[in-house]
Amino acid sequence: MTSASASWQHADFLQESDFTAEQLSYLITLAGQLKVERAAGIEQQRLVGRNVVLILEKTSTRTRISFEVACRDQGAGITVLDPASSQIGHKESAADSARVLASAFDAIAYRGARQSVVEELAEYSTVPVYNALTDKWHPTQMLADFMTMGEHAGDERISYAYVGDARSNMGNSILMMGAIMGSDVRIVAPQVLWPSQEIRDAAALRAAESGATITITDDPSVGLPGARFVHTDVWVSMGEPADVWATRIEQLTPYRVDAQFLKLTGRPDVRFMHCLPAYHDTKTKIGQLVAEKFGLTDGVEVTHEVFESPASIVFEQAENRMHTIKALMVATIS
């Protein structure tokens, strides 16, 4: 057993900055191994007899199916508590819930609004707690994103630009993860939507250790050239008021990912990434509303052309959520 693998036993996974590049790389490598085993039909069940609870304070497609399929593949049981079936924060504190859940389950996953809730769960739980998304961090997404970029970059140093609303869990996490992993990180967003100074300073410290380079700019012509991957996310996050749309569209239209935007990278092998869901057409209620009100009929943060182009690897990225979440559970509770 390596020191990296041993360090994951019974560990919480609350934010990227709690770990080293070696520890995070171990999970990504393990996910690759599990992915190969599954494809070949030779996957060994390492979680037989284990039980996991997934608390969905915020609803999800990819997070839920990733945990459910990963558990079933590995022989574990899973219970999903959605907003209608959990009392956390309503009739029962996170601290009390943690102790109840830890008595019945081998791990607790939480997807919700506040980072303080997942931290309180971890403080009072005797079993590992996983952050499956909060308002501040999205660490399980980062495992999938870096696995996906590694599959395409090979031995090349990972270089990417995150564009759009960077004052978000995705902006924070993709900046911090790249700083830890020694990547070439570009945050391309209007200054009002940059990550906080606290997070930028923390990322700079990790970059000094890893050799990562960080560029934070409001100018796409500065941040895009040379980037192998371009990431974006929706411009208005779950839980934000609908009246934010007008402001965000005014702020972020210059950062909309269309074919010309991708060409700023200067790389014919550039790949587009998105954590999903994406508003790339009018086949969703929000897509329809934005198209009708603001005229963005061919996509909001990304055009339909780019989303469906050969450059788009968003569904590989989505699949890798399952493999990396499986690796996290195998590493911590097998």
C-alpha atoms as a PDB file:
ATOM      1  CA  MET A   1       0.000   0.000   0.000  1.00  0.00           C
ATOM      2  CA  THR A   2       1.381   3.404  -0.995  1.00  0.00           C
ATOM      3  CA  SER A   3       1.355   6.435   1.283  1.00  0.00           C
ATOM      4  CA  ALA A   4      -1.163   8.096  -1.046  1.00  0.00           C
ATOM      5  CA  SER A   5      -3.580   5.176  -0.886  1.00  0.00           C
ATOM      6  CA  ALA A   6      -3.176   4.837   2.887  1.00  0.00           C
ATOM      7  CA  SER A   7      -3.904   8.537   3.373  1.00  0.00           C
ATOM      8  CA  TRP A   8      -7.361   8.117   1.828  1.00  0.00           C
ATOM      9  CA  GLN A   9      -8.592   5.444   4.229  1.00  0.00           C
ATOM     10  CA  HIS A  10     -11.527   6.896   6.211  1.00  0.00           C
ATOM     11  CA  ALA A  11     -10.768  10.389   4.830  1.00  0.00           C
ATOM     12  CA  ASP A  12     -13.311  13.144   4.306  1.00  0.00           C
ATOM     13  CA  PHE A  13     -13.359  14.890   0.919  1.00  0.00           C
ATOM     14  CA  LEU A  14     -14.556  18.434   1.546  1.00  0.00           C
ATOM     15  CA  GLN A  15     -12.334  20.595  -0.679  1.00  0.00           C
ATOM     16  CA  GLU A  16      -9.349  20.195  -2.967  1.00  0.00           C
ATOM     17  CA  SER A  17      -6.959  22.235  -0.830  1.00  0.00           C
ATOM     18  CA  ASP A  18      -7.014  19.574   1.908  1.00  0.00           C
ATOM     19  CA  PHE A  19      -4.920  17.294  -0.323  1.00  0.00           C
ATOM     20  CA  THR A  20      -1.630  17.063  -2.192  1.00  0.00           C
ATOM     21  CA  ALA A  21      -1.155  16.560  -5.907  1.00  0.00           C
ATOM     22  CA  GLU A  22       0.017  12.999  -5.169  1.00  0.00           C
ATOM     23  CA  GLN A  23      -3.154  12.199  -3.230  1.00  0.00           C
ATOM     24  CA  LEU A  24      -5.465  13.652  -5.878  1.00  0.00           C
ATOM     25  CA  SER A  25      -3.525  11.933  -8.674  1.00  0.00           C
ATOM     26  CA  TYR A  26      -3.938   8.641  -6.858  1.00  0.00           C
ATOM     27  CA  LEU A  27      -7.730   8.950  -7.037  1.00  0.00           C
ATOM     28  CA  ILE A  28      -7.644   9.875 -10.724  1.00  0.00           C
ATOM     29  CA  THR A  29      -5.350   6.945 -11.510  1.00  0.00           C
ATOM     30  CA  LEU A  30      -7.570   4.584  -9.525  1.00  0.00           C
ATOM     31  CA  ALA A  31     -10.599   5.891 -11.435  1.00  0.00           C
ATOM     32  CA  GLY A  32      -8.838   5.069 -14.694  1.00  0.00           C
ATOM     33  CA  GLN A  33      -8.173   1.546 -13.485  1.00  0.00           C
ATOM     34  CA  LEU A  34     -11.801   1.065 -12.459  1.00  0.00           C
ATOM     35  CA  LYS A  35     -12.968   2.451 -15.799  1.00  0.00           C
ATOM     36  CA  VAL A  36     -10.860  -0.093 -17.676  1.00  0.00           C
ATOM     37  CA  GLU A  37     -12.086  -2.936 -15.469  1.00  0.00           C
ATOM     38  CA  ARG A  38     -15.719  -1.971 -16.015  1.00  0.00           C
ATOM     39  CA  ALA A  39     -15.320  -1.729 -19.785  1.00  0.00           C
ATOM     40  CA  ALA A  40     -13.643  -5.132 -19.885  1.00  0.00           C
ATOM     41  CA  GLY A  41     -16.283  -6.737 -17.659  1.00  0.00           C
ATOM     42  CA  ILE A  42     -13.729  -7.710 -15.011  1.00  0.00           C
ATOM     43  CA  GLU A  43     -14.520  -5.180 -12.302  1.00  0.00           C
ATOM     44  CA  GLN A  44     -13.959  -6.492  -8.780  1.00  0.00           C
ATOM     45  CA  GLN A  45     -16.478  -5.508  -6.144  1.00  0.00           C
ATOM     46  CA  ARG A  46     -14.582  -3.819  -3.337  1.00  0.00           C
ATOM     47  CA  LEU A  47     -17.535  -2.309  -1.458  1.00  0.00           C
ATOM     48  CA  VAL A  48     -19.649  -5.381  -0.697  1.00  0.00           C
ATOM     49  CA  GLY A  49     -21.388  -4.881   2.629  1.00  0.00           C
ATOM     50  CA  ARG A  50     -20.903  -1.103   2.597  1.00  0.00           C
ATOM     51  CA  ASN A  51     -23.748   1.412   2.603  1.00  0.00           C
ATOM     52  CA  VAL A  52     -23.671   5.027   1.428  1.00  0.00           C
ATOM     53  CA  VAL A  53     -26.193   7.824   1.941  1.00  0.00           C
ATOM     54  CA  LEU A  54     -26.461  10.648  -0.606  1.00  0.00           C
ATOM     55  CA  ILE A  55     -28.109  13.822   0.701  1.00  0.00           C
ATOM     56  CA  LEU A  56     -29.464  15.901  -2.162  1.00  0.00           C
ATOM     57  CA  GLU A  57     -30.407  19.269  -0.727  1.00  0.00           C
ATOM     58  CA  LYS A  58     -29.957  20.448  -4.323  1.00  0.00           C
ATOM     59  CA  THR A  59     -31.332  18.141  -6.999  1.00  0.00           C
ATOM     60  CA  SER A  60     -28.999  16.578  -9.534  1.00  0.00           C
ATOM     61  CA  THR A  61     -28.823  14.177 -12.451  1.00  0.00           C
ATOM     62  CA  ARG A  62     -25.109  13.400 -12.807  1.00  0.00           C
ATOM     63  CA  THR A  63     -24.304  13.338  -9.091  1.00  0.00           C
ATOM     64  CA  ARG A  64     -27.165  11.008  -8.277  1.00  0.00           C
ATOM     65  CA  ILE A  65     -26.605   8.527 -11.090  1.00  0.00           C
ATOM     66  CA  SER A  66     -22.838   8.584 -10.509  1.00  0.00           C
ATOM     67  CA  PHE A  67     -23.203   7.573  -6.868  1.00  0.00           C
ATOM     68  CA  GLU A  68     -25.985   5.077  -7.545  1.00  0.00           C
ATOM     69  CA  VAL A  69     -24.254   3.265 -10.404  1.00  0.00           C
ATOM     70  CA  ALA A  70     -20.865   3.350  -8.677  1.00  0.00           C
ATOM     71  CA  CYS A  71     -22.333   1.788  -5.554  1.00  0.00           C
ATOM     72  CA  ARG A  72     -24.178  -0.901  -7.476  1.00  0.00           C
ATOM     73  CA  ASP A  73     -21.117  -1.749  -9.578  1.00  0.00           C
ATOM     74  CA  GLN A  74     -19.076  -2.141  -6.407  1.00  0.00           C
ATOM     75  CA  GLY A  75     -21.683  -4.101  -4.449  1.00  0.00           C
ATOM     76  CA  ALA A  76     -22.612  -1.329  -2.014  1.00  0.00           C
ATOM     77  CA  GLY A  77     -26.061  -0.202  -0.983  1.00  0.00           C
ATOM     78  CA  ILE A  78     -27.146   3.399  -1.425  1.00  0.00           C
ATOM     79  CA  THR A  79     -29.931   5.527   0.048  1.00  0.00           C
ATOM     80  CA  VAL A  80     -30.837   8.885  -1.499  1.00  0.00           C
ATOM     81  CA  LEU A  81     -32.349  11.591   0.705  1.00  0.00           C
ATOM     82  CA  ASP A  82     -33.876  14.343  -1.421  1.00  0.00           C
ATOM     83  CA  PRO A  83     -35.176  17.692  -0.120  1.00  0.00           C
ATOM     84  CA  ALA A  84     -38.553  16.124   0.669  1.00  0.00           C
ATOM     85  CA  SER A  85     -37.131  13.239   2.691  1.00  0.00           C
ATOM     86  CA  SER A  86     -34.403  14.866   4.776  1.00  0.00           C
ATOM     87  CA  GLN A  87     -34.829  16.961   7.926  1.00  0.00           C
ATOM     88  CA  ILE A  88     -31.317  18.437   7.858  1.00  0.00           C
ATOM     89  CA  GLY A  89     -31.514  22.121   8.640  1.00  0.00           C
ATOM     90  CA  HIS A  90     -35.285  21.982   9.162  1.00  0.00           C
ATOM     91  CA  LYS A  91     -36.044  19.818  12.182  1.00  0.00           C
ATOM     92  CA  GLU A  92     -32.578  18.420  12.796  1.00  0.00           C
ATOM     93  CA  SER A  93     -29.144  20.030  12.820  1.00  0.00           C
ATOM     94  CA  ALA A  94     -26.309  18.819  10.604  1.00  0.00           C
ATOM     95  CA  ALA A  95     -24.462  17.713  13.743  1.00  0.00           C
ATOM     96  CA  ASP A  96     -27.334  15.521  14.924  1.00  0.00           C
ATOM     97  CA  SER A  97     -27.966  14.193  11.420  1.00  0.00           C
ATOM     98  CA  ALA A  98     -24.290  13.256  11.053  1.00  0.00           C
ATOM     99  CA  ARG A  99     -24.378  11.105  14.167  1.00  0.00           C
ATOM    100  CA  VAL A 100     -27.609   9.394  13.154  1.00  0.00           C
ATOM    101  CA  LEU A 101     -26.414   8.698   9.616  1.00  0.00           C
ATOM    102  CA  ALA A 102     -22.947   7.546  10.702  1.00  0.00           C
ATOM    103  CA  SER A 103     -24.569   4.871  12.869  1.00  0.00           C
ATOM    104  CA  ALA A 104     -26.215   3.315   9.788  1.00  0.00           C
ATOM    105  CA  PHE A 105     -23.917   4.138   6.858  1.00  0.00           C
ATOM    106  CA  ASP A 106     -20.265   3.788   5.930  1.00  0.00           C
ATOM    107  CA  ALA A 107     -20.086   7.145   4.112  1.00  0.00           C
ATOM    108  CA  ILE A 108     -22.147  10.325   3.750  1.00  0.00           C
ATOM    109  CA  ALA A 109     -22.276  12.399   0.550  1.00  0.00           C
ATOM    110  CA  TYR A 110     -23.795  15.877   0.633  1.00  0.00           C
ATOM    111  CA  ARG A 111     -24.853  18.144  -2.223  1.00  0.00           C
ATOM    112  CA  GLY A 112     -26.324  21.413  -1.033  1.00  0.00           C
ATOM    113  CA  ALA A 113     -25.985  25.121  -0.526  1.00  0.00           C
ATOM    114  CA  ARG A 114     -23.562  25.844   2.287  1.00  0.00           C
ATOM    115  CA  GLN A 115     -19.995  24.666   2.770  1.00  0.00           C
ATOM    116  CA  SER A 116     -20.548  25.056   6.519  1.00  0.00           C
ATOM    117  CA  VAL A 117     -23.112  22.225   6.436  1.00  0.00           C
ATOM    118  CA  VAL A 118     -20.794  19.661   4.878  1.00  0.00           C
ATOM    119  CA  GLU A 119     -18.049  20.736   7.284  1.00  0.00           C
ATOM    120  CA  GLU A 120     -20.390  20.264  10.251  1.00  0.00           C
ATOM    121  CA  LEU A 121     -21.393  16.850   8.952  1.00  0.00           C
ATOM    122  CA  ALA A 122     -17.723  15.880   8.771  1.00  0.00           C
ATOM    123  CA  GLU A 123     -16.980  17.249  12.243  1.00  0.00           C
ATOM    124  CA  TYR A 124     -19.635  15.096  13.900  1.00  0.00           C
ATOM    125  CA  SER A 125     -19.535  12.033  11.652  1.00  0.00           C
ATOM    126  CA  THR A 126     -17.435   8.980  12.417  1.00  0.00           C
ATOM    127  CA  VAL A 127     -17.515   7.918   8.741  1.00  0.00           C
ATOM    128  CA  PRO A 128     -16.157   9.695   5.641  1.00  0.00           C
ATOM    129  CA  VAL A 129     -18.101  12.690   4.345  1.00  0.00           C
ATOM    130  CA  TYR A 130     -17.934  13.756   0.685  1.00  0.00           C
ATOM    131  CA  ASN A 131     -18.686  17.192  -0.714  1.00  0.00           C
ATOM    132  CA  ALA A 132     -20.722  16.563  -3.868  1.00  0.00           C
ATOM    133  CA  LEU A 133     -21.206  20.348  -4.356  1.00  0.00           C
ATOM    134  CA  THR A 134     -21.635  23.367  -2.129  1.00  0.00           C
ATOM    135  CA  ASP A 135     -21.752  27.085  -2.763  1.00  0.00           C
ATOM    136  CA  LYS A 136     -17.958  27.288  -2.355  1.00  0.00           C
ATOM    137  CA  TRP A 137     -16.389  24.112  -3.754  1.00  0.00           C
ATOM    138  CA  HIS A 138     -17.122  21.298  -6.224  1.00  0.00           C
ATOM    139  CA  PRO A 139     -14.308  18.788  -5.617  1.00  0.00           C
ATOM    140  CA  THR A 140     -15.933  15.665  -7.080  1.00  0.00           C
ATOM    141  CA  GLN A 141     -16.375  17.541 -10.357  1.00  0.00           C
ATOM    142  CA  MET A 142     -12.665  18.386 -10.360  1.00  0.00           C
ATOM    143  CA  LEU A 143     -11.687  14.726 -10.183  1.00  0.00           C
ATOM    144  CA  ALA A 144     -13.762  14.059 -13.299  1.00  0.00           C
ATOM    145  CA  ASP A 145     -12.481  17.159 -15.103  1.00  0.00           C
ATOM    146  CA  PHE A 146      -8.819  16.374 -14.496  1.00  0.00           C
ATOM    147  CA  MET A 147      -9.319  12.728 -15.397  1.00  0.00           C
ATOM    148  CA  THR A 148     -10.920  13.800 -18.675  1.00  0.00           C
ATOM    149  CA  MET A 149      -8.239  16.362 -19.492  1.00  0.00           C
ATOM    150  CA  GLY A 150      -5.536  13.834 -18.666  1.00  0.00           C
ATOM    151  CA  GLU A 151      -7.070  11.292 -21.052  1.00  0.00           C
ATOM    152  CA  HIS A 152      -6.803  13.840 -23.889  1.00  0.00           C
ATOM    153  CA  ALA A 153      -3.570  15.642 -22.946  1.00  0.00           C
ATOM    154  CA  GLY A 154      -1.456  12.533 -22.440  1.00  0.00           C
ATOM    155  CA  ASP A 155       2.025  13.584 -21.342  1.00  0.00           C
ATOM    156  CA  GLU A 156       1.403  17.226 -22.225  1.00  0.00           C
ATOM    157  CA  ARG A 157       1.072  19.634 -19.325  1.00  0.00           C
ATOM    158  CA  ILE A 158      -2.603  20.403 -18.795  1.00  0.00           C
ATOM    159  CA  SER A 159      -3.492  23.935 -19.882  1.00  0.00           C
ATOM    160  CA  TYR A 160      -7.026  25.242 -19.706  1.00  0.00           C
ATOM    161  CA  ALA A 161      -9.138  28.353 -19.551  1.00  0.00           C
ATOM    162  CA  TYR A 162     -12.251  28.656 -17.436  1.00  0.00           C
ATOM    163  CA  VAL A 163     -14.486  31.387 -18.843  1.00  0.00           C
ATOM    164  CA  GLY A 164     -17.651  33.059 -17.585  1.00  0.00           C
ATOM    165  CA  ASP A 165     -18.826  33.326 -13.988  1.00  0.00           C
ATOM    166  CA  ALA A 166     -15.686  32.490 -12.016  1.00  0.00           C
ATOM    167  CA  ARG A 167     -16.966  33.706  -8.645  1.00  0.00           C
ATOM    168  CA  SER A 168     -18.639  30.349  -8.105  1.00  0.00           C
ATOM    169  CA  ASN A 169     -17.958  26.854  -6.816  1.00  0.00           C
ATOM    170  CA  MET A 170     -16.699  25.843 -10.259  1.00  0.00           C
ATOM    171  CA  GLY A 171     -14.488  28.921 -10.583  1.00  0.00           C
ATOM    172  CA  ASN A 172     -13.045  28.391  -7.110  1.00  0.00           C
ATOM    173  CA  SER A 173     -12.444  24.682  -7.546  1.00  0.00           C
ATOM    174  CA  ILE A 174     -10.976  24.775 -11.032  1.00  0.00           C
ATOM    175  CA  LEU A 175      -8.544  27.489  -9.951  1.00  0.00           C
ATOM    176  CA  MET A 176      -7.485  25.658  -6.792  1.00  0.00           C
ATOM    177  CA  MET A 177      -7.248  22.203  -8.380  1.00  0.00           C
ATOM    178  CA  GLY A 178      -5.057  23.469 -11.193  1.00  0.00           C
ATOM    179  CA  ALA A 179      -2.829  25.294  -8.712  1.00  0.00           C
ATOM    180  CA  ILE A 180      -2.330  22.082  -6.739  1.00  0.00           C
ATOM    181  CA  MET A 181      -1.755  19.921  -9.829  1.00  0.00           C
ATOM    182  CA  GLY A 182       0.849  22.171 -11.464  1.00  0.00           C
ATOM    183  CA  SER A 183      -1.340  23.124 -14.417  1.00  0.00           C
ATOM    184  CA  ASP A 184      -1.402  26.153 -16.693  1.00  0.00           C
ATOM    185  CA  VAL A 185      -4.576  27.798 -15.373  1.00  0.00           C
ATOM    186  CA  ARG A 186      -6.379  30.736 -16.942  1.00  0.00           C
ATOM    187  CA  ILE A 187      -9.458  32.352 -15.408  1.00  0.00           C
ATOM    188  CA  VAL A 188     -11.133  34.553 -18.015  1.00  0.00           C
ATOM    189  CA  ALA A 189     -14.011  36.599 -16.625  1.00  0.00           C
ATOM    190  CA  PRO A 190     -15.099  40.165 -15.872  1.00  0.00           C
ATOM    191  CA  GLN A 191     -13.337  41.387 -12.741  1.00  0.00           C
ATOM    192  CA  VAL A 192     -16.569  41.552 -10.750  1.00  0.00           C
ATOM    193  CA  LEU A 193     -16.939  37.785 -11.270  1.00  0.00           C
ATOM    194  CA  TRP A 194     -13.394  36.714 -10.389  1.00  0.00           C
ATOM    195  CA  PRO A 195     -12.824  34.337  -7.460  1.00  0.00           C
ATOM    196  CA  SER A 196     -12.421  36.139  -4.138  1.00  0.00           C
ATOM    197  CA  GLN A 197      -9.051  37.540  -3.151  1.00  0.00           C
ATOM    198  CA  GLU A 198      -8.856  34.957  -0.360  1.00  0.00           C
ATOM    199  CA  ILE A 199      -9.168  32.082  -2.818  1.00  0.00           C
ATOM    200  CA  ARG A 200      -6.798  33.691  -5.330  1.00  0.00           C
ATOM    201  CA  ASP A 201      -4.185  34.097  -2.600  1.00  0.00           C
ATOM    202  CA  ALA A 202      -4.604  30.503  -1.431  1.00  0.00           C
ATOM    203  CA  ALA A 203      -4.267  29.257  -5.013  1.00  0.00           C
ATOM    204  CA  ALA A 204      -1.129  31.332  -5.508  1.00  0.00           C
ATOM    205  CA  LEU A 205       0.486  29.647  -2.496  1.00  0.00           C
ATOM    206  CA  ARG A 206      -0.266  26.187  -3.866  1.00  0.00           C
ATOM    207  CA  ALA A 207       0.956  27.213  -7.313  1.00  0.00           C
ATOM    208  CA  ALA A 208       4.270  28.316  -5.815  1.00  0.00           C
ATOM    209  CA  GLU A 209       4.665  24.781  -4.437  1.00  0.00           C
ATOM    210  CA  SER A 210       3.592  22.912  -7.590  1.00  0.00           C
ATOM    211  CA  GLY A 211       4.978  25.116 -10.357  1.00  0.00           C
ATOM    212  CA  ALA A 212       1.513  25.913 -11.683  1.00  0.00           C
ATOM    213  CA  THR A 213       1.032  29.119 -13.646  1.00  0.00           C
ATOM    214  CA  ILE A 214      -2.072  31.197 -12.998  1.00  0.00           C
ATOM    215  CA  THR A 215      -3.467  33.900 -15.252  1.00  0.00           C
ATOM    216  CA  ILE A 216      -6.557  35.813 -14.159  1.00  0.00           C
ATOM    217  CA  THR A 217      -7.783  38.274 -16.756  1.00  0.00           C
ATOM    218  CA  ASP A 218     -10.899  39.903 -18.161  1.00  0.00           C
ATOM    219  CA  ASP A 219      -9.468  39.769 -21.680  1.00  0.00           C
ATOM    220  CA  PRO A 220     -10.119  36.583 -23.719  1.00  0.00           C
ATOM    221  CA  SER A 221      -7.323  37.536 -26.143  1.00  0.00           C
ATOM    222  CA  VAL A 222      -4.911  37.296 -23.196  1.00  0.00           C
ATOM    223  CA  GLY A 223      -6.344  34.228 -21.457  1.00  0.00           C
ATOM    224  CA  LEU A 224      -7.220  31.947 -24.367  1.00  0.00           C
ATOM    225  CA  PRO A 225      -4.091  31.604 -26.565  1.00  0.00           C
ATOM    226  CA  GLY A 226      -2.453  28.203 -26.111  1.00  0.00           C
ATOM    227  CA  ALA A 227      -5.186  26.702 -23.932  1.00  0.00           C
ATOM    228  CA  ARG A 228      -5.842  23.045 -24.737  1.00  0.00           C
ATOM    229  CA  PHE A 229      -9.207  23.010 -22.963  1.00  0.00           C
ATOM    230  CA  VAL A 230     -11.914  25.639 -22.576  1.00  0.00           C
ATOM    231  CA  HIS A 231     -14.373  25.231 -19.685  1.00  0.00           C
ATOM    232  CA  THR A 232     -17.528  27.134 -18.923  1.00  0.00           C
ATOM    233  CA  ASP A 233     -20.650  26.801 -16.789  1.00  0.00           C
ATOM    234  CA  VAL A 234     -24.138  28.280 -16.656  1.00  0.00           C
ATOM    235  CA  TRP A 235     -24.263  32.002 -15.965  1.00  0.00           C
ATOM    236  CA  VAL A 236     -26.936  31.838 -13.262  1.00  0.00           C
ATOM    237  CA  SER A 237     -26.587  29.099 -10.669  1.00  0.00           C
ATOM    238  CA  MET A 238     -29.273  27.086  -8.926  1.00  0.00           C
ATOM    239  CA  GLY A 239     -30.874  29.128  -6.168  1.00  0.00           C
ATOM    240  CA  GLU A 240     -30.067  32.555  -7.631  1.00  0.00           C
ATOM    241  CA  PRO A 241     -33.019  34.851  -8.426  1.00  0.00           C
ATOM    242  CA  ALA A 242     -34.305  34.994 -12.003  1.00  0.00           C
ATOM    243  CA  ASP A 243     -33.751  38.746 -12.199  1.00  0.00           C
ATOM    244  CA  VAL A 244     -29.984  38.116 -12.206  1.00  0.00           C
ATOM    245  CA  TRP A 245     -30.206  36.952 -15.826  1.00  0.00           C
ATOM    246  CA  ALA A 246     -30.248  40.445 -17.347  1.00  0.00           C
ATOM    247  CA  THR A 247     -27.125  41.493 -15.451  1.00  0.00           C
ATOM    248  CA  ARG A 248     -25.231  38.282 -16.182  1.00  0.00           C
ATOM    249  CA  ILE A 249     -26.023  38.357 -19.884  1.00  0.00           C
ATOM    250  CA  GLU A 250     -24.745  41.912 -20.090  1.00  0.00           C
ATOM    251  CA  GLN A 251     -21.583  40.955 -18.181  1.00  0.00           C
ATOM    252  CA  LEU A 252     -20.879  37.621 -19.814  1.00  0.00           C
ATOM    253  CA  THR A 253     -21.929  37.796 -23.464  1.00  0.00           C
ATOM    254  CA  PRO A 254     -18.300  38.651 -24.411  1.00  0.00           C
ATOM    255  CA  TYR A 255     -17.304  35.313 -22.801  1.00  0.00           C
ATOM    256  CA  ARG A 256     -19.858  33.174 -24.610  1.00  0.00           C
ATOM    257  CA  VAL A 257     -18.151  30.126 -26.126  1.00  0.00           C
ATOM    258  CA  ASP A 258     -18.779  30.061 -29.861  1.00  0.00           C
ATOM    259  CA  ALA A 259     -16.576  28.845 -32.711  1.00  0.00           C
ATOM    260  CA  GLN A 260     -14.722  32.165 -32.978  1.00  0.00           C
ATOM    261  CA  PHE A 261     -14.087  32.168 -29.229  1.00  0.00           C
ATOM    262  CA  LEU A 262     -12.476  28.716 -29.417  1.00  0.00           C
ATOM    263  CA  LYS A 263     -10.274  29.915 -32.273  1.00  0.00           C
ATOM    264  CA  LEU A 264      -8.647  32.384 -29.865  1.00  0.00           C
ATOM    265  CA  THR A 265      -6.791  29.408 -28.379  1.00  0.00           C
ATOM    266  CA  GLY A 266      -4.891  28.993 -31.642  1.00  0.00           C
ATOM    267  CA  ARG A 267      -5.139  25.230 -31.230  1.00  0.00           C
ATOM    268  CA  PRO A 268      -6.931  22.981 -33.715  1.00  0.00           C
ATOM    269  CA  ASP A 269      -6.996  20.294 -31.010  1.00  0.00           C
ATOM    270  CA  VAL A 270      -8.808  22.499 -28.467  1.00  0.00           C
ATOM    271  CA  ARG A 271     -11.521  20.719 -26.509  1.00  0.00           C
ATOM    272  CA  PHE A 272     -14.655  22.196 -24.941  1.00  0.00           C
ATOM    273  CA  MET A 273     -15.805  21.159 -21.448  1.00  0.00           C
ATOM    274  CA  HIS A 274     -18.880  21.906 -19.330  1.00  0.00           C
ATOM    275  CA  CYS A 275     -19.993  20.393 -16.017  1.00  0.00           C
ATOM    276  CA  LEU A 276     -23.623  20.326 -17.264  1.00  0.00           C
ATOM    277  CA  PRO A 277     -26.465  20.992 -17.568  1.00  0.00           C
ATOM    278  CA  ALA A 278     -25.799  23.433 -20.404  1.00  0.00           C
ATOM    279  CA  TYR A 279     -28.146  25.937 -22.017  1.00  0.00           C
ATOM    280  CA  HIS A 280     -27.019  25.335 -25.593  1.00  0.00           C
ATOM    281  CA  ASP A 281     -30.456  25.303 -27.251  1.00  0.00           C
ATOM    282  CA  THR A 282     -34.117  26.086 -26.578  1.00  0.00           C
ATOM    283  CA  LYS A 283     -35.172  22.575 -25.575  1.00  0.00           C
ATOM    284  CA  THR A 284     -35.241  23.457 -21.874  1.00  0.00           C
ATOM    285  CA  LYS A 285     -37.548  25.850 -20.036  1.00  0.00           C
ATOM    286  CA  ILE A 286     -34.665  28.142 -19.121  1.00  0.00           C
ATOM    287  CA  GLY A 287     -33.254  28.005 -22.642  1.00  0.00           C
ATOM    288  CA  GLN A 288     -36.645  29.011 -24.012  1.00  0.00           C
ATOM    289  CA  LEU A 289     -37.061  31.854 -21.517  1.00  0.00           C
ATOM    290  CA  VAL A 290     -33.622  33.288 -22.212  1.00  0.00           C
ATOM    291  CA  ALA A 291     -34.133  33.009 -25.966  1.00  0.00           C
ATOM    292  CA  GLU A 292     -37.487  34.776 -25.797  1.00  0.00           C
ATOM    293  CA  LYS A 293     -36.350  37.545 -23.467  1.00  0.00           C
ATOM    294  CA  PHE A 294     -32.771  38.145 -24.615  1.00  0.00           C
ATOM    295  CA  GLY A 295     -32.623  36.741 -28.136  1.00  0.00           C
ATOM    296  CA  LEU A 296     -29.986  34.079 -27.450  1.00  0.00           C
ATOM    297  CA  THR A 297     -31.691  31.473 -29.596  1.00  0.00           C
ATOM    298  CA  ASP A 298     -28.625  29.328 -30.348  1.00  0.00           C
ATOM    299  CA  GLY A 299     -27.348  28.895 -26.804  1.00  0.00           C
ATOM    300  CA  VAL A 300     -26.445  30.969 -23.773  1.00  0.00           C
ATOM    301  CA  GLU A 301     -23.021  30.284 -22.257  1.00  0.00           C
ATOM    302  CA  VAL A 302     -22.132  28.042 -25.225  1.00  0.00           C
ATOM    303  CA  THR A 303     -23.568  27.843 -28.708  1.00  0.00           C
ATOM    304  CA  HIS A 304     -25.282  24.718 -29.939  1.00  0.00           C
ATOM    305  CA  GLU A 305     -22.680  24.522 -32.715  1.00  0.00           C
ATOM    306  CA  VAL A 306     -19.790  24.219 -30.256  1.00  0.00           C
ATOM    307  CA  PHE A 307     -21.674  21.956 -27.856  1.00  0.00           C
ATOM    308  CA  GLU A 308     -22.369  19.421 -30.608  1.00  0.00           C
ATOM    309  CA  SER A 309     -19.025  19.825 -32.363  1.00  0.00           C
ATOM    310  CA  PRO A 310     -16.129  17.326 -32.410  1.00  0.00           C
ATOM    311  CA  ALA A 311     -14.344  19.680 -29.978  1.00  0.00           C
ATOM    312  CA  SER A 312     -16.928  18.955 -27.278  1.00  0.00           C
ATOM    313  CA  ILE A 313     -16.027  16.269 -24.737  1.00  0.00           C
ATOM    314  CA  VAL A 314     -18.770  17.108 -22.244  1.00  0.00           C
ATOM    315  CA  PHE A 315     -20.283  13.624 -22.226  1.00  0.00           C
ATOM    316  CA  GLU A 316     -16.914  11.953 -21.622  1.00  0.00           C
ATOM    317  CA  GLN A 317     -16.552  14.400 -18.752  1.00  0.00           C
ATOM    318  CA  ALA A 318     -20.009  13.454 -17.453  1.00  0.00           C
ATOM    319  CA  GLU A 319     -19.233   9.727 -17.604  1.00  0.00           C
ATOM    320  CA  ASN A 320     -16.028  10.264 -15.662  1.00  0.00           C
ATOM    321  CA  ARG A 321     -18.035  11.632 -12.737  1.00  0.00           C
ATOM    322  CA  MET A 322     -19.108   8.053 -12.069  1.00  0.00           C
ATOM    323  CA  HIS A 323     -15.615   6.563 -12.338  1.00  0.00           C
ATOM    324  CA  THR A 324     -14.022   9.181 -10.085  1.00  0.00           C
ATOM    325  CA  ILE A 325     -16.787   9.036  -7.470  1.00  0.00           C
ATOM    326  CA  LYS A 326     -16.373   5.268  -7.477  1.00  0.00           C
ATOM    327  CA  ALA A 327     -12.643   5.690  -6.929  1.00  0.00           C
ATOM    328  CA  LEU A 328     -13.292   8.054  -4.016  1.00  0.00           C
ATOM    329  CA  MET A 329     -15.528   5.515  -2.294  1.00  0.00           C
ATOM    330  CA  VAL A 330     -13.173   2.608  -2.972  1.00  0.00           C
ATOM    331  CA  ALA A 331     -10.233   4.587  -1.597  1.00  0.00           C
ATOM    332  CA  THR A 332     -12.009   5.696   1.563  1.00  0.00           C
ATOM    333  CA  ILE A 333     -14.304   2.844   2.634  1.00  0.00           C
ATOM    334  CA  SER A 334     -13.266  -0.394   0.876  1.00  0.00           C
END
